[in-house]
């Protein structure tokens, strides 16, 4: 549809530009603003961390299969995987029996279901979710970690914030550059690329809906 406009523009740039509006909306959600502004208690942070578990369980469930796929394979990097760190954080936040009280908000379930569907049936669509999550974690996630450490007294890069610590990525900026090169080289045609861009926007919308659900669960008293 817009191939003439985007001719010569790297795919990573097209994705970043196209999803910018949704990105800002997700980052400026009321819940996230309240959380980062230290207006909510650690329970809200723990509840948010629980929601992340459902999304990452869907993202990382079939990594062996995804690693073998020609489209998704180059993106499956062990140093990105977050589930073990999330589970350590949840054990710290909720205690050893954290799984027993684990529940997904309806918005979280919808998000996780969509990620799982793409992982199963649409490799290029899976990349849209992979990109929005992991590159976001490497960037804005560091702001959340810093705020959480200062607000609730977690040890620096320790239990409670391990999800945000990529121990095996020594140079996040270089990693993000190499990731964008993978996006630029992704083995799909222009029409499929347009579908991937649309799925990126959908990923941000699904994420924003989770924030909305959390905001309803943790409204600030007037």
Protein backbone atom coordinates (compact mmCIF):
# COMPACT_ATOMS: atom_id res chain seq x y z
CA UNK A 1 0.00 0.00 0.00
CA UNK A 2 2.70 2.51 1.03
CA UNK A 3 5.70 0.80 -0.51
CA UNK A 4 6.68 3.89 -2.49
CA UNK A 5 6.64 6.04 0.70
CA UNK A 6 8.71 3.56 2.65
CA UNK A 7 11.11 2.58 -0.13
CA UNK A 8 14.59 2.94 1.30
CA UNK A 9 13.36 3.52 4.85
CA UNK A 10 14.64 0.81 7.23
CA UNK A 11 11.86 -1.40 8.54
CA UNK A 12 12.94 -0.75 12.15
CA UNK A 13 12.37 2.98 11.56
CA UNK A 14 8.95 2.37 10.01
CA UNK A 15 7.91 0.28 13.04
CA UNK A 16 9.23 2.78 15.56
CA UNK A 17 7.54 5.73 13.84
CA UNK A 18 4.23 3.97 13.26
CA UNK A 19 3.83 2.88 16.88
CA UNK A 20 5.07 6.11 18.46
CA UNK A 21 1.61 7.41 19.38
CA UNK A 22 0.58 4.16 21.08
CA UNK A 23 3.94 4.01 22.82
CA UNK A 24 3.41 7.43 24.38
CA UNK A 25 -0.14 6.48 25.39
CA UNK A 26 1.10 3.34 27.15
CA UNK A 27 3.90 5.21 28.92
CA UNK A 28 1.62 8.00 30.10
CA UNK A 29 -1.16 5.79 31.46
CA UNK A 30 -2.63 6.96 34.77
CA UNK A 31 -1.64 3.72 36.52
CA UNK A 32 1.98 3.91 35.38
CA UNK A 33 2.12 7.60 36.28
CA UNK A 34 0.81 6.84 39.77
CA UNK A 35 3.18 3.90 40.17
CA UNK A 36 6.26 5.81 39.06
CA UNK A 37 5.16 8.86 41.04
CA UNK A 38 5.27 6.74 44.23
CA UNK A 39 1.55 7.34 44.78
CA UNK A 40 0.78 3.61 44.92
CA UNK A 41 1.96 0.96 47.33
CA UNK A 42 4.19 -2.03 46.65
CA UNK A 43 1.05 -4.17 46.27
CA UNK A 44 0.23 -2.34 43.00
CA UNK A 45 3.76 -3.00 41.77
CA UNK A 46 3.43 -6.68 42.67
CA UNK A 47 0.08 -6.88 40.88
CA UNK A 48 1.63 -5.34 37.77
CA UNK A 49 4.49 -7.86 37.98
CA UNK A 50 1.94 -10.69 38.12
CA UNK A 51 0.35 -9.43 34.90
CA UNK A 52 3.75 -9.40 33.21
CA UNK A 53 4.17 -13.06 34.11
CA UNK A 54 1.18 -14.06 31.96
CA UNK A 55 2.45 -12.10 28.96
CA UNK A 56 6.00 -13.47 29.19
CA UNK A 57 4.78 -17.01 29.77
CA UNK A 58 3.02 -16.68 26.39
CA UNK A 59 6.07 -15.07 24.76
CA UNK A 60 8.54 -17.66 26.03
CA UNK A 61 6.50 -20.85 26.15
CA UNK A 62 7.65 -22.29 22.80
CA UNK A 63 11.14 -20.84 22.46
CA UNK A 64 12.59 -24.07 21.05
CA UNK A 65 10.04 -24.12 18.22
CA UNK A 66 10.38 -20.37 17.63
CA UNK A 67 14.19 -20.64 17.59
CA UNK A 68 13.93 -23.16 14.76
CA UNK A 69 11.62 -20.97 12.65
CA UNK A 70 13.34 -19.06 9.81
CA UNK A 71 11.44 -15.83 10.58
CA UNK A 72 11.50 -15.81 14.39
CA UNK A 73 14.73 -17.77 14.87
CA UNK A 74 17.19 -14.84 14.73
CA UNK A 75 15.17 -12.98 17.39
CA UNK A 76 15.18 -15.75 19.99
CA UNK A 77 18.09 -14.77 22.19
CA UNK A 78 18.63 -16.50 25.52
CA UNK A 79 19.89 -13.30 27.13
CA UNK A 80 16.48 -11.70 26.64
CA UNK A 81 14.37 -14.38 28.35
CA UNK A 82 12.59 -12.91 31.37
CA UNK A 83 10.49 -15.66 32.92
CA UNK A 84 13.06 -17.00 35.45
CA UNK A 85 13.74 -13.43 36.67
CA UNK A 86 10.01 -12.66 36.88
CA UNK A 87 9.46 -15.78 38.97
CA UNK A 88 12.24 -14.78 41.38
CA UNK A 89 10.67 -11.34 41.70
CA UNK A 90 7.23 -12.82 42.37
CA UNK A 91 8.61 -15.17 45.02
CA UNK A 92 10.17 -12.11 46.68
CA UNK A 93 7.02 -9.98 46.36
CA UNK A 94 4.35 -12.58 47.09
CA UNK A 95 6.18 -15.33 48.97
CA UNK A 96 7.00 -18.95 48.03
CA UNK A 97 3.39 -19.80 47.16
CA UNK A 98 2.99 -16.91 44.71
CA UNK A 99 1.50 -19.17 42.02
CA UNK A 100 -1.53 -19.96 44.17
CA UNK A 101 -2.79 -16.38 44.17
CA UNK A 102 -1.85 -15.61 40.58
CA UNK A 103 -4.72 -14.21 38.51
CA UNK A 104 -4.81 -12.42 35.18
CA UNK A 105 -6.94 -9.35 34.58
CA UNK A 106 -9.30 -9.84 31.61
CA UNK A 107 -7.13 -7.40 29.60
CA UNK A 108 -4.00 -9.38 30.51
CA UNK A 109 -5.64 -12.64 29.44
CA UNK A 110 -6.58 -11.07 26.08
CA UNK A 111 -3.00 -9.83 25.63
CA UNK A 112 -1.43 -13.19 26.55
CA UNK A 113 -3.88 -15.04 24.29
CA UNK A 114 -2.95 -12.85 21.34
CA UNK A 115 0.78 -13.36 21.94
CA UNK A 116 0.24 -17.13 22.19
CA UNK A 117 -1.82 -17.13 18.99
CA UNK A 118 0.93 -15.32 17.07
CA UNK A 119 3.61 -17.61 18.53
CA UNK A 120 1.60 -20.59 17.34
CA UNK A 121 0.27 -19.45 13.97
CA UNK A 122 1.99 -16.27 12.72
CA UNK A 123 5.78 -15.93 13.15
CA UNK A 124 5.97 -12.37 11.77
CA UNK A 125 3.18 -11.28 14.12
CA UNK A 126 5.09 -12.81 17.02
CA UNK A 127 8.04 -10.54 16.15
CA UNK A 128 5.78 -7.50 16.62
CA UNK A 129 5.12 -8.58 20.23
CA UNK A 130 8.74 -9.59 20.81
CA UNK A 131 9.90 -6.14 19.67
CA UNK A 132 7.41 -4.11 21.69
CA UNK A 133 8.14 -6.03 24.89
CA UNK A 134 11.87 -6.66 24.96
CA UNK A 135 13.07 -3.41 23.44
CA UNK A 136 10.73 -1.58 25.80
CA UNK A 137 12.17 -3.49 28.76
CA UNK A 138 15.70 -2.60 27.73
CA UNK A 139 14.75 1.08 27.45
CA UNK A 140 11.90 2.41 29.59
CA UNK A 141 12.06 -0.60 31.89
CA UNK A 142 15.20 0.83 33.43
CA UNK A 143 13.26 3.87 34.61
CA UNK A 144 10.74 1.57 36.33
CA UNK A 145 13.56 -0.39 37.99
CA UNK A 146 15.21 2.77 39.33
CA UNK A 147 11.91 4.11 40.68
CA UNK A 148 10.98 0.76 42.27
CA UNK A 149 14.34 0.48 44.02
CA UNK A 150 14.03 3.97 45.45
CA UNK A 151 10.32 3.81 46.31
CA UNK A 152 10.09 0.35 47.89
CA UNK A 153 13.68 -0.23 48.96
CA UNK A 154 14.57 -3.19 46.74
CA UNK A 155 18.26 -4.02 46.60
CA UNK A 156 19.84 -2.46 43.52
CA UNK A 157 19.23 -4.89 40.63
CA UNK A 158 18.16 -7.46 43.22
CA UNK A 159 15.07 -9.49 44.11
CA UNK A 160 11.93 -7.58 43.21
CA UNK A 161 13.44 -5.86 40.16
CA UNK A 162 15.35 -8.70 38.49
CA UNK A 163 12.89 -8.65 35.59
CA UNK A 164 14.45 -5.34 34.50
CA UNK A 165 18.06 -6.54 34.81
CA UNK A 166 19.56 -8.05 31.66
CA UNK A 167 22.71 -9.49 33.19
CA UNK A 168 23.97 -10.98 29.94
CA UNK A 169 23.59 -7.78 27.91
CA UNK A 170 26.63 -5.69 28.74
CA UNK A 171 25.85 -2.95 26.22
CA UNK A 172 22.10 -2.35 25.78
CA UNK A 173 22.64 0.35 23.12
CA UNK A 174 24.71 -2.00 20.95
CA UNK A 175 22.20 -4.79 21.52
CA UNK A 176 19.31 -2.57 20.42
CA UNK A 177 21.26 -1.60 17.29
CA UNK A 178 21.81 -5.26 16.39
CA UNK A 179 18.14 -5.98 17.11
CA UNK A 180 17.07 -3.22 14.71
CA UNK A 181 19.37 -4.73 12.08
CA UNK A 182 17.50 -8.02 12.53
CA UNK A 183 14.23 -6.17 11.98
CA UNK A 184 15.61 -4.52 8.85
CA UNK A 185 16.63 -7.92 7.50
CA UNK A 186 13.43 -9.79 8.45
CA UNK A 187 12.55 -12.28 5.71
CA UNK A 188 9.02 -11.14 4.82
CA UNK A 189 7.56 -9.11 1.92
CA UNK A 190 6.22 -5.55 2.08
CA UNK A 191 2.60 -6.56 2.58
CA UNK A 192 3.57 -8.75 5.52
CA UNK A 193 5.65 -5.89 6.93
CA UNK A 194 2.55 -3.70 6.92
CA UNK A 195 0.71 -6.40 8.88
CA UNK A 196 3.59 -6.52 11.38
CA UNK A 197 3.39 -2.74 11.87
CA UNK A 198 -0.36 -3.06 12.50
CA UNK A 199 0.32 -5.84 15.04
CA UNK A 200 2.85 -3.58 16.82
CA UNK A 201 0.14 -0.98 17.23
CA UNK A 202 -2.18 -3.72 18.51
CA UNK A 203 0.48 -4.85 21.00
CA UNK A 204 0.70 -1.34 22.45
CA UNK A 205 -3.11 -1.14 22.62
CA UNK A 206 -3.27 -4.47 24.48
CA UNK A 207 -0.60 -3.27 26.90
CA UNK A 208 -2.47 0.01 27.49
CA UNK A 209 -5.65 -1.97 28.25
CA UNK A 210 -3.73 -3.83 30.99
CA UNK A 211 -2.70 -0.50 32.50
CA UNK A 212 -6.33 0.62 32.36
CA UNK A 213 -7.42 -2.55 34.16
CA UNK A 214 -4.74 -2.03 36.82
CA UNK A 215 -5.84 1.59 37.17
CA UNK A 216 -9.38 0.42 37.92
CA UNK A 217 -8.05 -2.00 40.52
CA UNK A 218 -5.84 0.64 42.14
CA UNK A 219 -7.73 3.93 41.87
CA UNK A 220 -6.21 6.74 43.87
CA UNK A 221 -8.62 8.02 46.48
CA UNK A 222 -9.58 11.60 45.74
